[in-house]
Amino acid sequence: MMVYIFLADGFEESEALLPADILKRAGLDVCLVSITADKLVASSHGFKIMADAVFTEIDLTQAAALIMPGGMPGAQNLCDFAPLREAIIKQNERGGLLCAICAAPMTLGAAGVLKDKRATCYPGFEKYLDCKVYTERLVEEDGHIITGRGPGAAAEFGFTIAERLTSADCVAQLRQGMIYAPTTYLP
């Protein structure tokens, strides 16, 4: 099954590419998807990233995970893209993994999938979550939904998704191989 990471103009590079790297190292199939008609997507810091596909080219019916990176205006662009909101609702209905970081959890809020969930996001965007409980955790897991706080959470966000789709042993080996120790300074 494929893991899809959605890119919109203005996305935060670290929140898209670091989880993508971790998931690939875990042996997962990862597809970077542009929500525009063009595979070339501009990040929030002006980098141009070539996506693997555009939204109209993919089949989400068997998606292992849908992942939304933050960054502005990237997160707003994702939130405003109705086909993605519809895909989120369908993924939620089948209990598939939904993941968003930084400002992008607002997309999950707009799709109405956080109503009975705990979630985190970049400070100031909590008003868009429409969730049961907002936390300030680096990464928050509630059922099949994983949210991350911001760029500093990108690695932990990626490892958390990888563990859900592989195993704790796989992620322990990844952490060791990448010389990465988890952050413990936030609640």
C-alpha atoms as a PDB file:
ATOM      1  CA  MET A   1       0.000   0.000   0.000  1.00  0.00           C
ATOM      2  CA  MET A   2       1.113   3.510  -0.798  1.00  0.00           C
ATOM      3  CA  VAL A   3       1.778   6.431   1.533  1.00  0.00           C
ATOM      4  CA  TYR A   4       0.756   9.750  -0.032  1.00  0.00           C
ATOM      5  CA  ILE A   5       2.273  13.087   0.997  1.00  0.00           C
ATOM      6  CA  PHE A   6       0.402  16.056  -0.436  1.00  0.00           C
ATOM      7  CA  LEU A   7       2.245  19.156  -1.588  1.00  0.00           C
ATOM      8  CA  ALA A   8       0.753  22.574  -2.247  1.00  0.00           C
ATOM      9  CA  ASP A   9       2.582  25.763  -3.120  1.00  0.00           C
ATOM     10  CA  GLY A  10       3.939  27.163   0.124  1.00  0.00           C
ATOM     11  CA  PHE A  11       4.502  23.829   1.927  1.00  0.00           C
ATOM     12  CA  GLU A  12       7.137  23.471   4.663  1.00  0.00           C
ATOM     13  CA  GLU A  13       9.982  21.415   3.181  1.00  0.00           C
ATOM     14  CA  SER A  14      11.153  19.757   6.388  1.00  0.00           C
ATOM     15  CA  GLU A  15       7.629  18.600   7.278  1.00  0.00           C
ATOM     16  CA  ALA A  16       7.222  16.904   3.892  1.00  0.00           C
ATOM     17  CA  LEU A  17      10.688  15.636   3.054  1.00  0.00           C
ATOM     18  CA  LEU A  18      11.950  14.446   6.445  1.00  0.00           C
ATOM     19  CA  PRO A  19       8.911  12.184   7.021  1.00  0.00           C
ATOM     20  CA  ALA A  20       9.172  11.043   3.370  1.00  0.00           C
ATOM     21  CA  ASP A  21      12.833  10.123   3.922  1.00  0.00           C
ATOM     22  CA  ILE A  22      12.076   8.242   7.144  1.00  0.00           C
ATOM     23  CA  LEU A  23       9.179   6.347   5.566  1.00  0.00           C
ATOM     24  CA  LYS A  24      11.307   5.368   2.544  1.00  0.00           C
ATOM     25  CA  ARG A  25      14.095   4.154   4.854  1.00  0.00           C
ATOM     26  CA  ALA A  26      11.432   2.053   6.607  1.00  0.00           C
ATOM     27  CA  GLY A  27      10.789   0.316   3.290  1.00  0.00           C
ATOM     28  CA  LEU A  28       7.451   1.945   2.551  1.00  0.00           C
ATOM     29  CA  ASP A  29       6.201   3.102  -0.841  1.00  0.00           C
ATOM     30  CA  VAL A  30       5.948   6.901  -0.700  1.00  0.00           C
ATOM     31  CA  CYS A  31       4.420   9.154  -3.331  1.00  0.00           C
ATOM     32  CA  LEU A  32       4.768  12.949  -3.228  1.00  0.00           C
ATOM     33  CA  VAL A  33       1.576  14.359  -4.739  1.00  0.00           C
ATOM     34  CA  SER A  34       1.061  17.869  -6.093  1.00  0.00           C
ATOM     35  CA  ILE A  35      -2.470  19.156  -5.647  1.00  0.00           C
ATOM     36  CA  THR A  36      -1.905  21.475  -8.612  1.00  0.00           C
ATOM     37  CA  ALA A  37      -1.851  20.519 -12.296  1.00  0.00           C
ATOM     38  CA  ASP A  38       1.964  20.795 -12.239  1.00  0.00           C
ATOM     39  CA  LYS A  39       4.373  18.326 -10.585  1.00  0.00           C
ATOM     40  CA  LEU A  40       6.765  21.165  -9.754  1.00  0.00           C
ATOM     41  CA  VAL A  41       5.738  22.651  -6.406  1.00  0.00           C
ATOM     42  CA  ALA A  42       7.265  25.688  -4.664  1.00  0.00           C
ATOM     43  CA  SER A  43       7.978  25.378  -0.945  1.00  0.00           C
ATOM     44  CA  SER A  44       7.460  28.108   1.635  1.00  0.00           C
ATOM     45  CA  HIS A  45      11.177  28.969   1.379  1.00  0.00           C
ATOM     46  CA  GLY A  46      11.334  29.023  -2.398  1.00  0.00           C
ATOM     47  CA  PHE A  47      12.686  25.542  -3.104  1.00  0.00           C
ATOM     48  CA  LYS A  48      11.184  23.823  -6.135  1.00  0.00           C
ATOM     49  CA  ILE A  49      10.330  20.184  -5.495  1.00  0.00           C
ATOM     50  CA  MET A  50       9.286  17.761  -8.219  1.00  0.00           C
ATOM     51  CA  ALA A  51       6.367  15.637  -7.029  1.00  0.00           C
ATOM     52  CA  ASP A  52       5.933  12.057  -8.201  1.00  0.00           C
ATOM     53  CA  ALA A  53       2.372  12.633  -9.375  1.00  0.00           C
ATOM     54  CA  VAL A  54      -0.459  15.142  -9.523  1.00  0.00           C
ATOM     55  CA  PHE A  55      -3.642  14.532  -7.570  1.00  0.00           C
ATOM     56  CA  THR A  56      -5.689  13.474 -10.608  1.00  0.00           C
ATOM     57  CA  GLU A  57      -3.196  10.649 -11.366  1.00  0.00           C
ATOM     58  CA  ILE A  58      -3.487   8.754  -8.086  1.00  0.00           C
ATOM     59  CA  ASP A  59      -5.875   6.151  -6.671  1.00  0.00           C
ATOM     60  CA  LEU A  60      -6.439   6.670  -2.950  1.00  0.00           C
ATOM     61  CA  THR A  61      -8.783   3.725  -2.391  1.00  0.00           C
ATOM     62  CA  GLN A  62      -6.039   1.566  -0.842  1.00  0.00           C
ATOM     63  CA  ALA A  63      -3.873   4.297   0.717  1.00  0.00           C
ATOM     64  CA  ALA A  64      -1.870   3.253   3.771  1.00  0.00           C
ATOM     65  CA  ALA A  65      -1.682   6.894   4.905  1.00  0.00           C
ATOM     66  CA  LEU A  66      -2.519  10.412   3.777  1.00  0.00           C
ATOM     67  CA  ILE A  67       0.014  12.961   5.044  1.00  0.00           C
ATOM     68  CA  MET A  68      -0.291  16.753   4.963  1.00  0.00           C
ATOM     69  CA  PRO A  69       2.745  18.949   5.717  1.00  0.00           C
ATOM     70  CA  GLY A  70       2.251  22.445   7.041  1.00  0.00           C
ATOM     71  CA  GLY A  71       3.803  25.720   6.030  1.00  0.00           C
ATOM     72  CA  MET A  72       1.950  28.756   4.804  1.00  0.00           C
ATOM     73  CA  PRO A  73       0.266  29.255   2.502  1.00  0.00           C
ATOM     74  CA  GLY A  74       0.703  25.534   1.761  1.00  0.00           C
ATOM     75  CA  ALA A  75      -1.545  24.327   4.581  1.00  0.00           C
ATOM     76  CA  GLN A  76      -4.259  26.779   3.580  1.00  0.00           C
ATOM     77  CA  ASN A  77      -3.958  25.626  -0.037  1.00  0.00           C
ATOM     78  CA  LEU A  78      -4.390  22.012   1.107  1.00  0.00           C
ATOM     79  CA  CYS A  79      -7.351  22.994   3.262  1.00  0.00           C
ATOM     80  CA  ASP A  80      -9.027  24.813   0.374  1.00  0.00           C
ATOM     81  CA  PHE A  81      -8.608  21.855  -2.041  1.00  0.00           C
ATOM     82  CA  ALA A  82     -12.021  20.123  -1.952  1.00  0.00           C
ATOM     83  CA  PRO A  83     -10.854  16.813  -3.533  1.00  0.00           C
ATOM     84  CA  LEU A  84      -8.329  16.384  -0.705  1.00  0.00           C
ATOM     85  CA  ARG A  85     -10.969  17.090   1.955  1.00  0.00           C
ATOM     86  CA  GLU A  86     -13.182  14.438   0.301  1.00  0.00           C
ATOM     87  CA  ALA A  87     -10.259  11.969   0.295  1.00  0.00           C
ATOM     88  CA  ILE A  88      -9.670  12.677   3.998  1.00  0.00           C
ATOM     89  CA  ILE A  89     -13.322  11.941   4.792  1.00  0.00           C
ATOM     90  CA  LYS A  90     -13.190   8.634   2.863  1.00  0.00           C
ATOM     91  CA  GLN A  91      -9.879   7.628   4.493  1.00  0.00           C
ATOM     92  CA  ASN A  92     -11.392   8.421   7.894  1.00  0.00           C
ATOM     93  CA  GLU A  93     -14.506   6.330   7.152  1.00  0.00           C
ATOM     94  CA  ARG A  94     -12.364   3.266   6.412  1.00  0.00           C
ATOM     95  CA  GLY A  95     -10.140   3.920   9.450  1.00  0.00           C
ATOM     96  CA  GLY A  96      -7.068   4.638   7.342  1.00  0.00           C
ATOM     97  CA  LEU A  97      -4.156   6.586   8.751  1.00  0.00           C
ATOM     98  CA  LEU A  98      -4.478  10.393   8.537  1.00  0.00           C
ATOM     99  CA  CYS A  99      -1.460  12.535   9.420  1.00  0.00           C
ATOM    100  CA  ALA A 100      -0.945  16.301   9.459  1.00  0.00           C
ATOM    101  CA  ILE A 101       1.693  18.573  10.961  1.00  0.00           C
ATOM    102  CA  CYS A 102       2.116  22.258  11.828  1.00  0.00           C
ATOM    103  CA  ALA A 103      -0.746  24.289  10.294  1.00  0.00           C
ATOM    104  CA  ALA A 104      -2.016  21.355   8.202  1.00  0.00           C
ATOM    105  CA  PRO A 105      -4.166  19.763  10.951  1.00  0.00           C
ATOM    106  CA  MET A 106      -6.597  22.557  10.037  1.00  0.00           C
ATOM    107  CA  THR A 107      -7.284  20.465   6.913  1.00  0.00           C
ATOM    108  CA  LEU A 108      -8.381  17.583   9.138  1.00  0.00           C
ATOM    109  CA  GLY A 109     -10.502  20.027  11.130  1.00  0.00           C
ATOM    110  CA  ALA A 110     -12.131  21.363   7.957  1.00  0.00           C
ATOM    111  CA  ALA A 111     -12.950  17.780   6.924  1.00  0.00           C
ATOM    112  CA  GLY A 112     -14.625  17.238  10.317  1.00  0.00           C
ATOM    113  CA  VAL A 113     -12.527  14.230  11.341  1.00  0.00           C
ATOM    114  CA  LEU A 114     -11.137  15.638  14.617  1.00  0.00           C
ATOM    115  CA  LYS A 115     -14.424  16.203  16.496  1.00  0.00           C
ATOM    116  CA  ASP A 116     -13.831  13.374  19.002  1.00  0.00           C
ATOM    117  CA  LYS A 117     -10.015  13.393  18.845  1.00  0.00           C
ATOM    118  CA  ARG A 118      -6.986  14.854  20.600  1.00  0.00           C
ATOM    119  CA  ALA A 119      -4.778  16.843  18.248  1.00  0.00           C
ATOM    120  CA  THR A 120      -1.838  19.226  18.189  1.00  0.00           C
ATOM    121  CA  CYS A 121      -0.680  21.842  15.694  1.00  0.00           C
ATOM    122  CA  TYR A 122       1.467  24.932  15.303  1.00  0.00           C
ATOM    123  CA  PRO A 123       0.574  27.512  17.991  1.00  0.00           C
ATOM    124  CA  GLY A 124      -2.210  29.813  16.818  1.00  0.00           C
ATOM    125  CA  PHE A 125      -3.843  27.279  14.485  1.00  0.00           C
ATOM    126  CA  GLU A 126      -5.679  25.374  17.218  1.00  0.00           C
ATOM    127  CA  LYS A 127      -8.789  27.489  16.548  1.00  0.00           C
ATOM    128  CA  TYR A 128      -9.145  25.675  13.193  1.00  0.00           C
ATOM    129  CA  LEU A 129      -8.939  22.134  14.550  1.00  0.00           C
ATOM    130  CA  ASP A 130     -12.488  21.650  15.823  1.00  0.00           C
ATOM    131  CA  CYS A 131     -11.121  18.809  17.960  1.00  0.00           C
ATOM    132  CA  LYS A 132     -12.167  17.376  21.315  1.00  0.00           C
ATOM    133  CA  VAL A 133      -8.874  18.232  23.051  1.00  0.00           C
ATOM    134  CA  TYR A 134      -6.005  20.413  21.824  1.00  0.00           C
ATOM    135  CA  THR A 135      -2.630  19.398  23.224  1.00  0.00           C
ATOM    136  CA  GLU A 136       0.781  20.987  22.937  1.00  0.00           C
ATOM    137  CA  ARG A 137       2.561  17.677  22.468  1.00  0.00           C
ATOM    138  CA  LEU A 138       5.277  17.381  19.835  1.00  0.00           C
ATOM    139  CA  VAL A 139       3.308  14.544  18.212  1.00  0.00           C
ATOM    140  CA  GLU A 140      -0.213  13.513  19.178  1.00  0.00           C
ATOM    141  CA  GLU A 141      -1.761  10.149  18.326  1.00  0.00           C
ATOM    142  CA  ASP A 142      -5.460   9.432  18.712  1.00  0.00           C
ATOM    143  CA  GLY A 143      -6.749   6.335  16.981  1.00  0.00           C
ATOM    144  CA  HIS A 144      -5.902   6.491  13.284  1.00  0.00           C
ATOM    145  CA  ILE A 145      -4.993  10.190  13.381  1.00  0.00           C
ATOM    146  CA  ILE A 146      -1.477  11.527  13.991  1.00  0.00           C
ATOM    147  CA  THR A 147      -0.783  15.251  14.282  1.00  0.00           C
ATOM    148  CA  GLY A 148       2.491  17.112  14.773  1.00  0.00           C
ATOM    149  CA  ARG A 149       3.271  20.519  16.239  1.00  0.00           C
ATOM    150  CA  GLY A 150       5.702  22.068  13.738  1.00  0.00           C
ATOM    151  CA  PRO A 151       9.035  21.849  11.905  1.00  0.00           C
ATOM    152  CA  GLY A 152      10.877  20.734  15.047  1.00  0.00           C
ATOM    153  CA  ALA A 153       8.507  17.762  15.259  1.00  0.00           C
ATOM    154  CA  ALA A 154       9.054  16.594  11.663  1.00  0.00           C
ATOM    155  CA  ALA A 155      11.404  13.706  12.492  1.00  0.00           C
ATOM    156  CA  GLU A 156       9.364  12.448  15.435  1.00  0.00           C
ATOM    157  CA  PHE A 157       6.221  12.784  13.289  1.00  0.00           C
ATOM    158  CA  GLY A 158       7.870  10.664  10.589  1.00  0.00           C
ATOM    159  CA  PHE A 159       9.065   8.019  13.061  1.00  0.00           C
ATOM    160  CA  THR A 160       5.589   7.836  14.627  1.00  0.00           C
ATOM    161  CA  ILE A 161       3.978   7.238  11.223  1.00  0.00           C
ATOM    162  CA  ALA A 162       6.663   4.675  10.334  1.00  0.00           C
ATOM    163  CA  GLU A 163       6.055   2.759  13.547  1.00  0.00           C
ATOM    164  CA  ARG A 164       2.325   2.603  12.801  1.00  0.00           C
ATOM    165  CA  LEU A 165       2.999   1.202   9.331  1.00  0.00           C
ATOM    166  CA  THR A 166       5.906  -1.111  10.215  1.00  0.00           C
ATOM    167  CA  SER A 167       7.023  -1.978  13.756  1.00  0.00           C
ATOM    168  CA  ALA A 168       8.721  -0.586  16.835  1.00  0.00           C
ATOM    169  CA  ASP A 169      11.801  -2.702  16.007  1.00  0.00           C
ATOM    170  CA  CYS A 170      12.023  -1.202  12.521  1.00  0.00           C
ATOM    171  CA  VAL A 171      11.829   2.326  13.924  1.00  0.00           C
ATOM    172  CA  ALA A 172      14.394   1.572  16.645  1.00  0.00           C
ATOM    173  CA  GLN A 173      16.797   0.449  13.909  1.00  0.00           C
ATOM    174  CA  LEU A 174      16.028   3.573  11.870  1.00  0.00           C
ATOM    175  CA  ARG A 175      16.694   5.840  14.853  1.00  0.00           C
ATOM    176  CA  GLN A 176      19.996   4.107  15.485  1.00  0.00           C
ATOM    177  CA  GLY A 177      21.023   4.198  11.823  1.00  0.00           C
ATOM    178  CA  MET A 178      20.102   7.865  11.515  1.00  0.00           C
ATOM    179  CA  ILE A 179      21.762   8.687  14.853  1.00  0.00           C
ATOM    180  CA  TYR A 180      18.511  10.191  16.093  1.00  0.00           C
ATOM    181  CA  ALA A 181      17.417  10.325  19.727  1.00  0.00           C
ATOM    182  CA  PRO A 182      13.818  11.343  20.475  1.00  0.00           C
ATOM    183  CA  THR A 183      13.153  14.791  21.903  1.00  0.00           C
ATOM    184  CA  THR A 184      11.839  14.806  25.443  1.00  0.00           C
ATOM    185  CA  TYR A 185      11.610  18.475  26.363  1.00  0.00           C
ATOM    186  CA  LEU A 186       7.923  19.000  25.479  1.00  0.00           C
ATOM    187  CA  PRO A 187       4.897  17.441  27.217  1.00  0.00           C
END
